[in-house]
C-alpha atoms as a PDB file:
ATOM      1  CA  MET A   1       0.866 -14.770  21.181  1.00  0.00           C
ATOM      2  CA  PHE A   2      -2.332 -16.529  20.081  1.00  0.00           C
ATOM      3  CA  GLY A   3      -4.327 -13.452  21.052  1.00  0.00           C
ATOM      4  CA  ASP A   4      -2.010 -11.296  18.951  1.00  0.00           C
ATOM      5  CA  LEU A   5      -2.540 -13.613  16.000  1.00  0.00           C
ATOM      6  CA  MET A   6      -6.307 -13.471  16.399  1.00  0.00           C
ATOM      7  CA  GLY A   7      -6.153  -9.694  16.655  1.00  0.00           C
ATOM      8  CA  MET A   8      -4.097  -9.496  13.463  1.00  0.00           C
ATOM      9  CA  MET A   9      -6.517 -11.801  11.635  1.00  0.00           C
ATOM     10  CA  GLY A  10      -9.439  -9.636  12.733  1.00  0.00           C
ATOM     11  CA  LYS A  11      -7.670  -6.506  11.573  1.00  0.00           C
ATOM     12  CA  LEU A  12      -6.868  -8.120   8.212  1.00  0.00           C
ATOM     13  CA  LYS A  13     -10.526  -9.074   7.706  1.00  0.00           C
ATOM     14  CA  GLU A  14     -11.591  -5.537   8.612  1.00  0.00           C
ATOM     15  CA  THR A  15      -9.054  -4.143   6.144  1.00  0.00           C
ATOM     16  CA  GLN A  16     -10.279  -6.497   3.426  1.00  0.00           C
ATOM     17  CA  LYS A  17     -13.817  -5.223   4.000  1.00  0.00           C
ATOM     18  CA  LYS A  18     -12.606  -1.607   3.784  1.00  0.00           C
ATOM     19  CA  VAL A  19     -10.739  -2.372   0.542  1.00  0.00           C
ATOM     20  CA  GLU A  20     -13.911  -3.825  -0.991  1.00  0.00           C
ATOM     21  CA  GLU A  21     -15.913  -0.775   0.144  1.00  0.00           C
ATOM     22  CA  THR A  22     -13.263   1.501  -1.363  1.00  0.00           C
ATOM     23  CA  LYS A  23     -13.419  -0.387  -4.678  1.00  0.00           C
ATOM     24  CA  LYS A  24     -17.193   0.124  -4.771  1.00  0.00           C
ATOM     25  CA  ARG A  25     -16.796   3.824  -3.939  1.00  0.00           C
ATOM     26  CA  LEU A  26     -14.229   4.215  -6.723  1.00  0.00           C
ATOM     27  CA  ASP A  27     -16.982   3.251  -9.176  1.00  0.00           C
ATOM     28  CA  THR A  28     -18.547   6.618  -8.334  1.00  0.00           C
ATOM     29  CA  VAL A  29     -15.340   8.674  -8.620  1.00  0.00           C
ATOM     30  CA  LEU A  30     -15.274  10.180 -12.108  1.00  0.00           C
ATOM     31  CA  ILE A  31     -12.132  11.161 -13.984  1.00  0.00           C
ATOM     32  CA  ASP A  32     -12.563  13.652 -16.829  1.00  0.00           C
ATOM     33  CA  GLU A  33      -9.903  13.876 -19.500  1.00  0.00           C
ATOM     34  CA  LYS A  34      -9.846  15.834 -22.739  1.00  0.00           C
ATOM     35  CA  SER A  35      -7.549  16.357 -25.665  1.00  0.00           C
ATOM     36  CA  SER A  36      -5.448  19.510 -25.623  1.00  0.00           C
ATOM     37  CA  ASP A  37      -7.796  21.187 -28.110  1.00  0.00           C
ATOM     38  CA  GLU A  38     -10.887  19.788 -26.337  1.00  0.00           C
ATOM     39  CA  LYS A  39     -12.144  18.017 -29.465  1.00  0.00           C
ATOM     40  CA  LEU A  40     -12.360  14.756 -27.532  1.00  0.00           C
ATOM     41  CA  LYS A  41     -13.620  14.374 -23.969  1.00  0.00           C
ATOM     42  CA  ILE A  42     -13.644  11.147 -21.998  1.00  0.00           C
ATOM     43  CA  THR A  43     -15.087  10.336 -18.580  1.00  0.00           C
ATOM     44  CA  LEU A  44     -14.250   7.152 -16.739  1.00  0.00           C
ATOM     45  CA  THR A  45     -14.441   5.878 -13.187  1.00  0.00           C
ATOM     46  CA  ALA A  46     -11.431   5.476 -10.918  1.00  0.00           C
ATOM     47  CA  ASN A  47     -11.949   1.741 -11.528  1.00  0.00           C
ATOM     48  CA  ARG A  48     -11.269   2.457 -15.214  1.00  0.00           C
ATOM     49  CA  THR A  49     -14.754   1.930 -16.617  1.00  0.00           C
ATOM     50  CA  ILE A  50     -15.543   4.296 -19.483  1.00  0.00           C
ATOM     51  CA  LYS A  51     -18.692   6.301 -18.776  1.00  0.00           C
ATOM     52  CA  SER A  52     -18.804   8.695 -21.716  1.00  0.00           C
ATOM     53  CA  ILE A  53     -16.962   9.827 -24.817  1.00  0.00           C
ATOM     54  CA  SER A  54     -17.699  13.116 -26.556  1.00  0.00           C
ATOM     55  CA  ILE A  55     -16.293  13.599 -30.050  1.00  0.00           C
ATOM     56  CA  ASP A  56     -16.223  16.900 -31.918  1.00  0.00           C
ATOM     57  CA  GLU A  57     -17.802  16.685 -35.386  1.00  0.00           C
ATOM     58  CA  SER A  58     -14.543  17.703 -37.064  1.00  0.00           C
ATOM     59  CA  LEU A  59     -12.853  14.498 -35.891  1.00  0.00           C
ATOM     60  CA  LEU A  60     -15.428  12.353 -37.663  1.00  0.00           C
ATOM     61  CA  GLN A  61     -13.996  13.354 -41.047  1.00  0.00           C
ATOM     62  CA  ASP A  62     -10.628  11.644 -40.536  1.00  0.00           C
ATOM     63  CA  LYS A  63     -10.573   8.086 -39.171  1.00  0.00           C
ATOM     64  CA  GLU A  64      -6.827   8.046 -38.445  1.00  0.00           C
ATOM     65  CA  GLU A  65      -6.949  11.370 -36.631  1.00  0.00           C
ATOM     66  CA  LEU A  66      -9.859  10.168 -34.497  1.00  0.00           C
ATOM     67  CA  GLU A  67      -8.005   6.954 -33.660  1.00  0.00           C
ATOM     68  CA  ASP A  68      -4.939   8.965 -32.603  1.00  0.00           C
ATOM     69  CA  TYR A  69      -7.073  11.229 -30.420  1.00  0.00           C
ATOM     70  CA  LEU A  70      -8.759   8.227 -28.816  1.00  0.00           C
ATOM     71  CA  ILE A  71      -5.490   6.460 -28.071  1.00  0.00           C
ATOM     72  CA  LEU A  72      -3.797   9.522 -26.569  1.00  0.00           C
ATOM     73  CA  THR A  73      -6.765  10.717 -24.532  1.00  0.00           C
ATOM     74  CA  LEU A  74      -7.814   7.273 -23.312  1.00  0.00           C
ATOM     75  CA  ASN A  75      -4.260   6.508 -22.195  1.00  0.00           C
ATOM     76  CA  LYS A  76      -4.087   9.790 -20.247  1.00  0.00           C
ATOM     77  CA  ALA A  77      -7.470   9.105 -18.645  1.00  0.00           C
ATOM     78  CA  ILE A  78      -6.552   5.532 -17.725  1.00  0.00           C
ATOM     79  CA  GLU A  79      -3.250   6.687 -16.232  1.00  0.00           C
ATOM     80  CA  ARG A  80      -4.999   9.290 -14.061  1.00  0.00           C
ATOM     81  CA  ALA A  81      -7.678   6.802 -12.988  1.00  0.00           C
ATOM     82  CA  THR A  82      -5.013   4.235 -12.105  1.00  0.00           C
ATOM     83  CA  GLN A  83      -3.164   6.779  -9.959  1.00  0.00           C
ATOM     84  CA  VAL A  84      -6.346   7.624  -8.034  1.00  0.00           C
ATOM     85  CA  ASN A  85      -7.273   3.950  -7.694  1.00  0.00           C
ATOM     86  CA  GLU A  86      -3.863   2.857  -6.444  1.00  0.00           C
ATOM     87  CA  ALA A  87      -3.515   5.764  -4.021  1.00  0.00           C
ATOM     88  CA  GLU A  88      -6.937   5.126  -2.473  1.00  0.00           C
ATOM     89  CA  LEU A  89      -6.429   1.372  -2.138  1.00  0.00           C
ATOM     90  CA  ALA A  90      -2.884   1.765  -0.794  1.00  0.00           C
ATOM     91  CA  ALA A  91      -4.107   4.213   1.849  1.00  0.00           C
ATOM     92  CA  VAL A  92      -6.789   1.780   3.028  1.00  0.00           C
ATOM     93  CA  ALA A  93      -4.402  -1.175   2.999  1.00  0.00           C
ATOM     94  CA  LYS A  94      -1.640   0.698   4.832  1.00  0.00           C
ATOM     95  CA  ASP A  95      -4.047   1.962   7.478  1.00  0.00           C
ATOM     96  CA  GLY A  96      -5.385  -1.526   8.126  1.00  0.00           C
ATOM     97  CA  MET A  97      -2.211  -3.570   8.098  1.00  0.00           C
ATOM     98  CA  PRO A  98      -1.155  -5.026  11.436  1.00  0.00           C
ATOM     99  CA  ASN A  99       2.291  -4.033  12.649  1.00  0.00           C
ATOM    100  CA  ILE A 100       4.373  -7.074  11.710  1.00  0.00           C
ATOM    101  CA  PRO A 101       8.140  -6.600  12.081  1.00  0.00           C
ATOM    102  CA  GLY A 102       9.927  -6.781   8.739  1.00  0.00           C
ATOM    103  CA  MET A 103       6.725  -6.253   6.745  1.00  0.00           C
ATOM    104  CA  ASP A 104       7.106  -2.557   5.905  1.00  0.00           C
ATOM    105  CA  MET A 105       5.526  -2.950   2.465  1.00  0.00           C
ATOM    106  CA  PHE A 106       3.908   0.489   2.245  1.00  0.00           C
ATOM    107  CA  LYS A 107       6.716   2.906   3.018  1.00  0.00           C
END
């Protein structure tokens, strides 16, 4: 039993290392999102760090319209980035979890 516990602890440490490596890699995964009319384009990482924002000149004339575009497009981009982030981290965590009866967290 003690050997099993040590094996599980080793596997958990290995999984933790893989999760950290995945988080670093997700800094290089870029998510591009744009408004439906392509007047606003946003790029962010899968860790939800904004890398660039491109705004069409026509949006600079109306502050409220620009704010609406930013809110809608940023929310879509963040949602997509969150989906990628969670899927990648869940896959690493599930792969590295020791088989503990009753602990089927990732089904």
